[in-house]
């Protein structure tokens, strides 16, 4: 996986629009796999992967190497899962209007 993240970082830094889609799909698969374990819910894992990749797109130029990118992506996914759990835990059981 480290080689894939390293290659993804290089492609993302070049800004090649044609290559971004396969790179994000690769990273999304990795983050989704992690999210299914961390979130314990496939829908939350999918949302988490998408949110992590959106955040990544905003700050891709800041990563010095693949290790930093990998750590950041997994940390973003973990944080997103925890936020979703908190929201669902404190969400009202029913809505009254």
PDB file of N, CA and C in Angstrom:
ATOM      1  N   UNK A   1       0.827  -1.197   0.000  1.00  0.00           N
ATOM      2  CA  UNK A   1       0.000   0.000   0.000  1.00  0.00           C
ATOM      3  C   UNK A   1       0.866   1.253   0.000  1.00  0.00           C
ATOM      4  N   UNK A   2       2.014   1.196   0.632  1.00  0.00           N
ATOM      5  CA  UNK A   2       2.895   2.368   0.710  1.00  0.00           C
ATOM      6  C   UNK A   2       3.304   2.839  -0.683  1.00  0.00           C
ATOM      7  N   UNK A   3       3.601   1.918  -1.574  1.00  0.00           N
ATOM      8  CA  UNK A   3       3.992   2.295  -2.940  1.00  0.00           C
ATOM      9  C   UNK A   3       2.833   2.971  -3.665  1.00  0.00           C
ATOM     10  N   UNK A   4       1.617   2.503  -3.435  1.00  0.00           N
ATOM     11  CA  UNK A   4       0.446   3.119  -4.057  1.00  0.00           C
ATOM     12  C   UNK A   4       0.241   4.543  -3.549  1.00  0.00           C
ATOM     13  N   UNK A   5       0.423   4.748  -2.257  1.00  0.00           N
ATOM     14  CA  UNK A   5       0.256   6.082  -1.678  1.00  0.00           C
ATOM     15  C   UNK A   5       1.342   7.015  -2.200  1.00  0.00           C
ATOM     16  N   UNK A   6       2.561   6.510  -2.307  1.00  0.00           N
ATOM     17  CA  UNK A   6       3.665   7.325  -2.827  1.00  0.00           C
ATOM     18  C   UNK A   6       3.388   7.739  -4.277  1.00  0.00           C
ATOM     19  N   UNK A   7       2.950   6.804  -5.075  1.00  0.00           N
ATOM     20  CA  UNK A   7       2.619   7.105  -6.472  1.00  0.00           C
ATOM     21  C   UNK A   7       1.437   8.069  -6.551  1.00  0.00           C
ATOM     22  N   UNK A   8       0.455   7.876  -5.699  1.00  0.00           N
ATOM     23  CA  UNK A   8      -0.711   8.760  -5.681  1.00  0.00           C
ATOM     24  C   UNK A   8      -0.305  10.182  -5.332  1.00  0.00           C
ATOM     25  N   UNK A   9       0.575  10.331  -4.377  1.00  0.00           N
ATOM     26  CA  UNK A   9       1.022  11.664  -3.973  1.00  0.00           C
ATOM     27  C   UNK A   9       1.737  12.373  -5.114  1.00  0.00           C
ATOM     28  N   UNK A  10       2.603  11.667  -5.809  1.00  0.00           N
ATOM     29  CA  UNK A  10       3.323  12.275  -6.928  1.00  0.00           C
ATOM     30  C   UNK A  10       2.360  12.725  -8.034  1.00  0.00           C
ATOM     31  N   UNK A  11       1.385  11.889  -8.336  1.00  0.00           N
ATOM     32  CA  UNK A  11       0.417  12.231  -9.380  1.00  0.00           C
ATOM     33  C   UNK A  11      -0.451  13.408  -8.945  1.00  0.00           C
ATOM     34  N   UNK A  12      -0.901  13.387  -7.696  1.00  0.00           N
ATOM     35  CA  UNK A  12      -1.742  14.472  -7.205  1.00  0.00           C
ATOM     36  C   UNK A  12      -1.004  15.804  -7.194  1.00  0.00           C
ATOM     37  N   UNK A  13       0.294  15.765  -6.881  1.00  0.00           N
ATOM     38  CA  UNK A  13       1.073  17.005  -6.856  1.00  0.00           C
ATOM     39  C   UNK A  13       1.296  17.580  -8.254  1.00  0.00           C
ATOM     40  N   UNK A  14       1.297  16.730  -9.271  1.00  0.00           N
ATOM     41  CA  UNK A  14       1.469  17.243 -10.631  1.00  0.00           C
ATOM     42  C   UNK A  14       0.219  17.962 -11.111  1.00  0.00           C
ATOM     43  N   UNK A  15      -0.933  17.586 -10.566  1.00  0.00           N
ATOM     44  CA  UNK A  15      -2.179  18.220 -10.964  1.00  0.00           C
ATOM     45  C   UNK A  15      -2.726  17.702 -12.275  1.00  0.00           C
ATOM     46  N   UNK A  16      -2.231  16.558 -12.745  1.00  0.00           N
ATOM     47  CA  UNK A  16      -2.714  15.959 -13.992  1.00  0.00           C
ATOM     48  C   UNK A  16      -4.162  15.513 -13.813  1.00  0.00           C
ATOM     49  N   UNK A  17      -5.079  16.229 -14.422  1.00  0.00           N
ATOM     50  CA  UNK A  17      -6.509  15.970 -14.244  1.00  0.00           C
ATOM     51  C   UNK A  17      -6.912  14.572 -14.706  1.00  0.00           C
ATOM     52  N   UNK A  18      -6.290  14.069 -15.746  1.00  0.00           N
ATOM     53  CA  UNK A  18      -6.646  12.749 -16.273  1.00  0.00           C
ATOM     54  C   UNK A  18      -6.245  11.626 -15.321  1.00  0.00           C
ATOM     55  N   UNK A  19      -5.197  11.830 -14.545  1.00  0.00           N
ATOM     56  CA  UNK A  19      -4.701  10.781 -13.659  1.00  0.00           C
ATOM     57  C   UNK A  19      -5.303  10.846 -12.256  1.00  0.00           C
ATOM     58  N   UNK A  20      -5.996  11.895 -11.947  1.00  0.00           N
ATOM     59  CA  UNK A  20      -6.502  12.067 -10.583  1.00  0.00           C
ATOM     60  C   UNK A  20      -7.583  11.042 -10.245  1.00  0.00           C
ATOM     61  N   UNK A  21      -8.458  10.735 -11.182  1.00  0.00           N
ATOM     62  CA  UNK A  21      -9.555   9.807 -10.890  1.00  0.00           C
ATOM     63  C   UNK A  21      -9.063   8.420 -10.459  1.00  0.00           C
ATOM     64  N   UNK A  22      -8.150   7.762 -11.199  1.00  0.00           N
ATOM     65  CA  UNK A  22      -7.697   6.449 -10.731  1.00  0.00           C
ATOM     66  C   UNK A  22      -6.953   6.516  -9.400  1.00  0.00           C
ATOM     67  N   UNK A  23      -6.254   7.622  -9.174  1.00  0.00           N
ATOM     68  CA  UNK A  23      -5.530   7.779  -7.908  1.00  0.00           C
ATOM     69  C   UNK A  23      -6.510   7.893  -6.751  1.00  0.00           C
ATOM     70  N   UNK A  24      -7.530   8.708  -6.920  1.00  0.00           N
ATOM     71  CA  UNK A  24      -8.501   8.857  -5.839  1.00  0.00           C
ATOM     72  C   UNK A  24      -9.285   7.572  -5.609  1.00  0.00           C
ATOM     73  N   UNK A  25      -9.522   6.805  -6.668  1.00  0.00           N
ATOM     74  CA  UNK A  25     -10.193   5.516  -6.496  1.00  0.00           C
ATOM     75  C   UNK A  25      -9.340   4.568  -5.658  1.00  0.00           C
ATOM     76  N   UNK A  26      -8.041   4.561  -5.909  1.00  0.00           N
ATOM     77  CA  UNK A  26      -7.129   3.716  -5.133  1.00  0.00           C
ATOM     78  C   UNK A  26      -7.129   4.130  -3.671  1.00  0.00           C
ATOM     79  N   UNK A  27      -7.001   5.428  -3.438  1.00  0.00           N
ATOM     80  CA  UNK A  27      -6.997   5.919  -2.060  1.00  0.00           C
ATOM     81  C   UNK A  27      -8.362   5.703  -1.403  1.00  0.00           C
ATOM     82  N   UNK A  28      -9.427   5.875  -2.168  1.00  0.00           N
ATOM     83  CA  UNK A  28     -10.761   5.675  -1.608  1.00  0.00           C
ATOM     84  C   UNK A  28     -10.948   4.229  -1.168  1.00  0.00           C
ATOM     85  N   UNK A  29     -10.461   3.287  -1.965  1.00  0.00           N
ATOM     86  CA  UNK A  29     -10.564   1.876  -1.588  1.00  0.00           C
ATOM     87  C   UNK A  29      -9.839   1.605  -0.268  1.00  0.00           C
ATOM     88  N   UNK A  30      -8.658   2.183  -0.119  1.00  0.00           N
ATOM     89  CA  UNK A  30      -7.887   1.983   1.107  1.00  0.00           C
ATOM     90  C   UNK A  30      -8.593   2.607   2.303  1.00  0.00           C
ATOM     91  N   UNK A  31      -9.083   3.821   2.137  1.00  0.00           N
ATOM     92  CA  UNK A  31      -9.753   4.511   3.237  1.00  0.00           C
ATOM     93  C   UNK A  31     -11.093   3.843   3.557  1.00  0.00           C
ATOM     94  N   UNK A  32     -11.791   3.384   2.531  1.00  0.00           N
ATOM     95  CA  UNK A  32     -13.057   2.685   2.765  1.00  0.00           C
ATOM     96  C   UNK A  32     -12.814   1.396   3.558  1.00  0.00           C
ATOM     97  N   UNK A  33     -11.776   0.662   3.192  1.00  0.00           N
ATOM     98  CA  UNK A  33     -11.444  -0.561   3.926  1.00  0.00           C
ATOM     99  C   UNK A  33     -11.156  -0.277   5.390  1.00  0.00           C
ATOM    100  N   UNK A  34     -10.411   0.783   5.639  1.00  0.00           N
ATOM    101  CA  UNK A  34     -10.128   1.194   7.008  1.00  0.00           C
ATOM    102  C   UNK A  34     -11.421   1.649   7.699  1.00  0.00           C
ATOM    103  N   UNK A  35     -12.243   2.398   6.968  1.00  0.00           N
ATOM    104  CA  UNK A  35     -13.483   2.918   7.539  1.00  0.00           C
ATOM    105  C   UNK A  35     -14.466   1.840   7.921  1.00  0.00           C
ATOM    106  N   UNK A  36     -14.513   0.749   7.170  1.00  0.00           N
ATOM    107  CA  UNK A  36     -15.440  -0.331   7.519  1.00  0.00           C
ATOM    108  C   UNK A  36     -15.068  -0.938   8.869  1.00  0.00           C
ATOM    109  N   UNK A  37     -13.789  -0.945   9.178  1.00  0.00           N
ATOM    110  CA  UNK A  37     -13.356  -1.457  10.478  1.00  0.00           C
ATOM    111  C   UNK A  37     -13.581  -0.426  11.575  1.00  0.00           C
ATOM    112  N   UNK A  38     -13.251   0.827  11.293  1.00  0.00           N
ATOM    113  CA  UNK A  38     -13.332   1.874  12.311  1.00  0.00           C
ATOM    114  C   UNK A  38     -14.765   2.338  12.556  1.00  0.00           C
ATOM    115  N   UNK A  39     -15.553   2.459  11.500  1.00  0.00           N
ATOM    116  CA  UNK A  39     -16.924   2.977  11.634  1.00  0.00           C
ATOM    117  C   UNK A  39     -17.932   1.884  11.966  1.00  0.00           C
ATOM    118  N   UNK A  40     -17.620   0.663  11.586  1.00  0.00           N
ATOM    119  CA  UNK A  40     -18.489  -0.491  11.809  1.00  0.00           C
ATOM    120  C   UNK A  40     -19.829  -0.367  11.082  1.00  0.00           C
ATOM    121  N   UNK A  41     -19.843   0.434  10.013  1.00  0.00           N
ATOM    122  CA  UNK A  41     -21.062   0.635   9.247  1.00  0.00           C
ATOM    123  C   UNK A  41     -20.656   0.974   7.817  1.00  0.00           C
ATOM    124  N   UNK A  42     -21.079   0.197   6.825  1.00  0.00           N
ATOM    125  CA  UNK A  42     -20.647   0.437   5.443  1.00  0.00           C
ATOM    126  C   UNK A  42     -21.021   1.821   4.907  1.00  0.00           C
ATOM    127  N   UNK A  43     -22.201   2.307   5.263  1.00  0.00           N
ATOM    128  CA  UNK A  43     -22.607   3.632   4.778  1.00  0.00           C
ATOM    129  C   UNK A  43     -21.729   4.729   5.370  1.00  0.00           C
ATOM    130  N   UNK A  44     -21.444   4.629   6.663  1.00  0.00           N
ATOM    131  CA  UNK A  44     -20.573   5.609   7.307  1.00  0.00           C
ATOM    132  C   UNK A  44     -19.158   5.518   6.750  1.00  0.00           C
ATOM    133  N   UNK A  45     -18.711   4.311   6.446  1.00  0.00           N
ATOM    134  CA  UNK A  45     -17.372   4.133   5.873  1.00  0.00           C
ATOM    135  C   UNK A  45     -17.278   4.791   4.504  1.00  0.00           C
ATOM    136  N   UNK A  46     -18.326   4.677   3.708  1.00  0.00           N
ATOM    137  CA  UNK A  46     -18.335   5.300   2.384  1.00  0.00           C
ATOM    138  C   UNK A  46     -18.314   6.826   2.501  1.00  0.00           C
ATOM    139  N   UNK A  47     -19.141   7.356   3.386  1.00  0.00           N
ATOM    140  CA  UNK A  47     -19.164   8.802   3.600  1.00  0.00           C
ATOM    141  C   UNK A  47     -17.826   9.302   4.140  1.00  0.00           C
ATOM    142  N   UNK A  48     -17.235   8.517   5.008  1.00  0.00           N
ATOM    143  CA  UNK A  48     -15.947   8.870   5.582  1.00  0.00           C
ATOM    144  C   UNK A  48     -14.868   8.919   4.517  1.00  0.00           C
ATOM    145  N   UNK A  49     -14.842   7.940   3.637  1.00  0.00           N
ATOM    146  CA  UNK A  49     -13.852   7.916   2.558  1.00  0.00           C
ATOM    147  C   UNK A  49     -14.005   9.137   1.655  1.00  0.00           C
ATOM    148  N   UNK A  50     -15.225   9.475   1.320  1.00  0.00           N
ATOM    149  CA  UNK A  50     -15.461  10.636   0.462  1.00  0.00           C
ATOM    150  C   UNK A  50     -15.031  11.926   1.145  1.00  0.00           C
ATOM    151  N   UNK A  51     -15.366  12.076   2.411  1.00  0.00           N
ATOM    152  CA  UNK A  51     -15.001  13.286   3.149  1.00  0.00           C
ATOM    153  C   UNK A  51     -13.480  13.406   3.281  1.00  0.00           C
ATOM    154  N   UNK A  52     -12.805  12.300   3.547  1.00  0.00           N
ATOM    155  CA  UNK A  52     -11.344  12.330   3.664  1.00  0.00           C
ATOM    156  C   UNK A  52     -10.702  12.739   2.340  1.00  0.00           C
ATOM    157  N   UNK A  53     -11.228  12.259   1.233  1.00  0.00           N
ATOM    158  CA  UNK A  53     -10.663  12.614  -0.068  1.00  0.00           C
ATOM    159  C   UNK A  53     -10.955  14.060  -0.443  1.00  0.00           C
ATOM    160  N   UNK A  54     -12.092  14.574  -0.028  1.00  0.00           N
ATOM    161  CA  UNK A  54     -12.380  15.990  -0.266  1.00  0.00           C
ATOM    162  C   UNK A  54     -11.392  16.855   0.507  1.00  0.00           C
ATOM    163  N   UNK A  55     -11.161  16.491   1.754  1.00  0.00           N
ATOM    164  CA  UNK A  55     -10.189  17.242   2.559  1.00  0.00           C
ATOM    165  C   UNK A  55      -8.784  17.116   1.978  1.00  0.00           C
ATOM    166  N   UNK A  56      -8.463  15.944   1.468  1.00  0.00           N
ATOM    167  CA  UNK A  56      -7.155  15.726   0.863  1.00  0.00           C
ATOM    168  C   UNK A  56      -6.957  16.631  -0.345  1.00  0.00           C
ATOM    169  N   UNK A  57      -7.974  16.754  -1.167  1.00  0.00           N
ATOM    170  CA  UNK A  57      -7.872  17.583  -2.375  1.00  0.00           C
ATOM    171  C   UNK A  57      -7.554  19.033  -2.036  1.00  0.00           C
ATOM    172  N   UNK A  58      -8.025  19.482  -0.891  1.00  0.00           N
ATOM    173  CA  UNK A  58      -7.784  20.872  -0.486  1.00  0.00           C
ATOM    174  C   UNK A  58      -6.357  21.109  -0.008  1.00  0.00           C
ATOM    175  N   UNK A  59      -5.691  20.067   0.470  1.00  0.00           N
ATOM    176  CA  UNK A  59      -4.379  20.285   1.081  1.00  0.00           C
ATOM    177  C   UNK A  59      -3.286  19.352   0.568  1.00  0.00           C
ATOM    178  N   UNK A  60      -3.407  18.848  -0.648  1.00  0.00           N
ATOM    179  CA  UNK A  60      -2.461  17.863  -1.169  1.00  0.00           C
ATOM    180  C   UNK A  60      -1.042  18.424  -1.320  1.00  0.00           C
ATOM    181  N   UNK A  61      -0.903  19.678  -1.577  1.00  0.00           N
ATOM    182  CA  UNK A  61       0.425  20.272  -1.783  1.00  0.00           C
ATOM    183  C   UNK A  61       1.240  20.343  -0.495  1.00  0.00           C
ATOM    184  N   UNK A  62       0.605  20.177   0.647  1.00  0.00           N
ATOM    185  CA  UNK A  62       1.279  20.323   1.942  1.00  0.00           C
ATOM    186  C   UNK A  62       2.031  19.064   2.393  1.00  0.00           C
ATOM    187  N   UNK A  63       1.830  17.948   1.743  1.00  0.00           N
ATOM    188  CA  UNK A  63       2.430  16.704   2.211  1.00  0.00           C
ATOM    189  C   UNK A  63       3.833  16.524   1.650  1.00  0.00           C
ATOM    190  N   UNK A  64       4.813  16.362   2.536  1.00  0.00           N
ATOM    191  CA  UNK A  64       6.195  16.225   2.066  1.00  0.00           C
ATOM    192  C   UNK A  64       6.517  14.848   1.486  1.00  0.00           C
ATOM    193  N   UNK A  65       5.832  13.809   1.980  1.00  0.00           N
ATOM    194  CA  UNK A  65       6.123  12.458   1.503  1.00  0.00           C
ATOM    195  C   UNK A  65       4.902  11.558   1.658  1.00  0.00           C
ATOM    196  N   UNK A  66       5.024  10.341   1.166  1.00  0.00           N
ATOM    197  CA  UNK A  66       3.904   9.400   1.159  1.00  0.00           C
ATOM    198  C   UNK A  66       3.514   8.978   2.575  1.00  0.00           C
ATOM    199  N   UNK A  67       4.483   8.873   3.449  1.00  0.00           N
ATOM    200  CA  UNK A  67       4.181   8.472   4.833  1.00  0.00           C
ATOM    201  C   UNK A  67       3.283   9.505   5.498  1.00  0.00           C
ATOM    202  N   UNK A  68       3.605  10.775   5.325  1.00  0.00           N
ATOM    203  CA  UNK A  68       2.790  11.843   5.895  1.00  0.00           C
ATOM    204  C   UNK A  68       1.376  11.810   5.320  1.00  0.00           C
ATOM    205  N   UNK A  69       1.268  11.550   4.034  1.00  0.00           N
ATOM    206  CA  UNK A  69      -0.041  11.460   3.389  1.00  0.00           C
ATOM    207  C   UNK A  69      -0.842  10.298   3.957  1.00  0.00           C
ATOM    208  N   UNK A  70      -0.226   9.140   4.067  1.00  0.00           N
ATOM    209  CA  UNK A  70      -0.919   7.955   4.572  1.00  0.00           C
ATOM    210  C   UNK A  70      -1.399   8.169   6.007  1.00  0.00           C
ATOM    211  N   UNK A  71      -0.532   8.715   6.847  1.00  0.00           N
ATOM    212  CA  UNK A  71      -0.917   8.977   8.236  1.00  0.00           C
ATOM    213  C   UNK A  71      -2.082   9.959   8.279  1.00  0.00           C
ATOM    214  N   UNK A  72      -1.999  11.009   7.487  1.00  0.00           N
ATOM    215  CA  UNK A  72      -3.043  12.029   7.484  1.00  0.00           C
ATOM    216  C   UNK A  72      -4.377  11.448   7.011  1.00  0.00           C
ATOM    217  N   UNK A  73      -4.356  10.679   5.936  1.00  0.00           N
ATOM    218  CA  UNK A  73      -5.596  10.123   5.387  1.00  0.00           C
ATOM    219  C   UNK A  73      -6.268   9.207   6.406  1.00  0.00           C
ATOM    220  N   UNK A  74      -5.500   8.333   7.039  1.00  0.00           N
ATOM    221  CA  UNK A  74      -6.098   7.426   8.012  1.00  0.00           C
ATOM    222  C   UNK A  74      -6.581   8.175   9.251  1.00  0.00           C
ATOM    223  N   UNK A  75      -5.849   9.185   9.667  1.00  0.00           N
ATOM    224  CA  UNK A  75      -6.277   9.978  10.819  1.00  0.00           C
ATOM    225  C   UNK A  75      -7.562  10.747  10.490  1.00  0.00           C
ATOM    226  N   UNK A  76      -7.647  11.294   9.291  1.00  0.00           N
ATOM    227  CA  UNK A  76      -8.863  11.999   8.869  1.00  0.00           C
ATOM    228  C   UNK A  76     -10.050  11.039   8.841  1.00  0.00           C
ATOM    229  N   UNK A  77      -9.834   9.834   8.355  1.00  0.00           N
ATOM    230  CA  UNK A  77     -10.910   8.839   8.308  1.00  0.00           C
ATOM    231  C   UNK A  77     -11.346   8.445   9.720  1.00  0.00           C
ATOM    232  N   UNK A  78     -10.404   8.245  10.595  1.00  0.00           N
ATOM    233  CA  UNK A  78     -10.722   7.871  11.978  1.00  0.00           C
ATOM    234  C   UNK A  78     -11.515   8.987  12.654  1.00  0.00           C
ATOM    235  N   UNK A  79     -11.070  10.212  12.490  1.00  0.00           N
ATOM    236  CA  UNK A  79     -11.757  11.355  13.087  1.00  0.00           C
ATOM    237  C   UNK A  79     -13.176  11.472  12.553  1.00  0.00           C
ATOM    238  N   UNK A  80     -13.329  11.288  11.254  1.00  0.00           N
ATOM    239  CA  UNK A  80     -14.655  11.377  10.640  1.00  0.00           C
ATOM    240  C   UNK A  80     -15.584  10.298  11.188  1.00  0.00           C
ATOM    241  N   UNK A  81     -15.069   9.086  11.366  1.00  0.00           N
ATOM    242  CA  UNK A  81     -15.883   8.002  11.939  1.00  0.00           C
ATOM    243  C   UNK A  81     -16.329   8.353  13.353  1.00  0.00           C
ATOM    244  N   UNK A  82     -15.408   8.869  14.150  1.00  0.00           N
ATOM    245  CA  UNK A  82     -15.748   9.237  15.519  1.00  0.00           C
ATOM    246  C   UNK A  82     -16.787  10.354  15.557  1.00  0.00           C
ATOM    247  N   UNK A  83     -16.662  11.307  14.663  1.00  0.00           N
ATOM    248  CA  UNK A  83     -17.645  12.394  14.605  1.00  0.00           C
ATOM    249  C   UNK A  83     -19.030  11.857  14.230  1.00  0.00           C
ATOM    250  N   UNK A  84     -19.078  10.924  13.300  1.00  0.00           N
ATOM    251  CA  UNK A  84     -20.363  10.340  12.895  1.00  0.00           C
ATOM    252  C   UNK A  84     -20.992   9.574  14.059  1.00  0.00           C
ATOM    253  N   UNK A  85     -20.174   8.846  14.804  1.00  0.00           N
ATOM    254  CA  UNK A  85     -20.696   8.104  15.955  1.00  0.00           C
ATOM    255  C   UNK A  85     -21.281   9.059  16.992  1.00  0.00           C
ATOM    256  N   UNK A  86     -20.559  10.151  17.255  1.00  0.00           N
ATOM    257  CA  UNK A  86     -21.045  11.124  18.224  1.00  0.00           C
ATOM    258  C   UNK A  86     -22.374  11.720  17.787  1.00  0.00           C
ATOM    259  N   UNK A  87     -22.458  12.080  16.513  1.00  0.00           N
ATOM    260  CA  UNK A  87     -23.702  12.664  16.013  1.00  0.00           C
ATOM    261  C   UNK A  87     -24.857  11.679  16.143  1.00  0.00           C
ATOM    262  N   UNK A  88     -24.622  10.423  15.828  1.00  0.00           N
ATOM    263  CA  UNK A  88     -25.705   9.453  15.891  1.00  0.00           C
ATOM    264  C   UNK A  88     -26.055   9.132  17.339  1.00  0.00           C
ATOM    265  N   UNK A  89     -25.101   9.194  18.240  1.00  0.00           N
ATOM    266  CA  UNK A  89     -25.353   8.889  19.639  1.00  0.00           C
ATOM    267  C   UNK A  89     -26.249   9.948  20.277  1.00  0.00           C
ATOM    268  N   UNK A  90     -26.012  11.207  19.917  1.00  0.00           N
ATOM    269  CA  UNK A  90     -26.759  12.300  20.529  1.00  0.00           C
ATOM    270  C   UNK A  90     -27.917  12.797  19.664  1.00  0.00           C
ATOM    271  N   UNK A  91     -28.156  12.148  18.577  1.00  0.00           N
ATOM    272  CA  UNK A  91     -29.277  12.541  17.717  1.00  0.00           C
ATOM    273  C   UNK A  91     -30.593  12.189  18.401  1.00  0.00           C
ATOM    274  N   UNK A  92     -31.595  13.031  18.258  1.00  0.00           N
ATOM    275  CA  UNK A  92     -32.885  12.716  18.873  1.00  0.00           C
ATOM    276  C   UNK A  92     -33.490  11.450  18.267  1.00  0.00           C
ATOM    277  N   UNK A  93     -34.198  10.705  19.086  1.00  0.00           N
ATOM    278  CA  UNK A  93     -34.825   9.458  18.633  1.00  0.00           C
ATOM    279  C   UNK A  93     -35.925   9.747  17.622  1.00  0.00           C
ATOM    280  N   UNK A  94     -36.615  10.849  17.803  1.00  0.00           N
ATOM    281  CA  UNK A  94     -37.655  11.222  16.843  1.00  0.00           C
ATOM    282  C   UNK A  94     -37.711  12.751  16.745  1.00  0.00           C
ATOM    283  N   UNK A  95     -38.203  13.221  15.645  1.00  0.00           N
ATOM    284  CA  UNK A  95     -38.321  14.647  15.417  1.00  0.00           C
ATOM    285  C   UNK A  95     -39.777  15.051  15.558  1.00  0.00           C
ATOM    286  N   UNK A  96     -40.020  16.077  16.336  1.00  0.00           N
ATOM    287  CA  UNK A  96     -41.386  16.601  16.419  1.00  0.00           C
ATOM    288  C   UNK A  96     -41.398  18.014  15.868  1.00  0.00           C
ATOM    289  N   UNK A  97     -42.370  18.270  15.036  1.00  0.00           N
ATOM    290  CA  UNK A  97     -42.441  19.581  14.389  1.00  0.00           C
ATOM    291  C   UNK A  97     -43.633  20.335  14.866  1.00  0.00           C
TER     292      UNK A  97
END
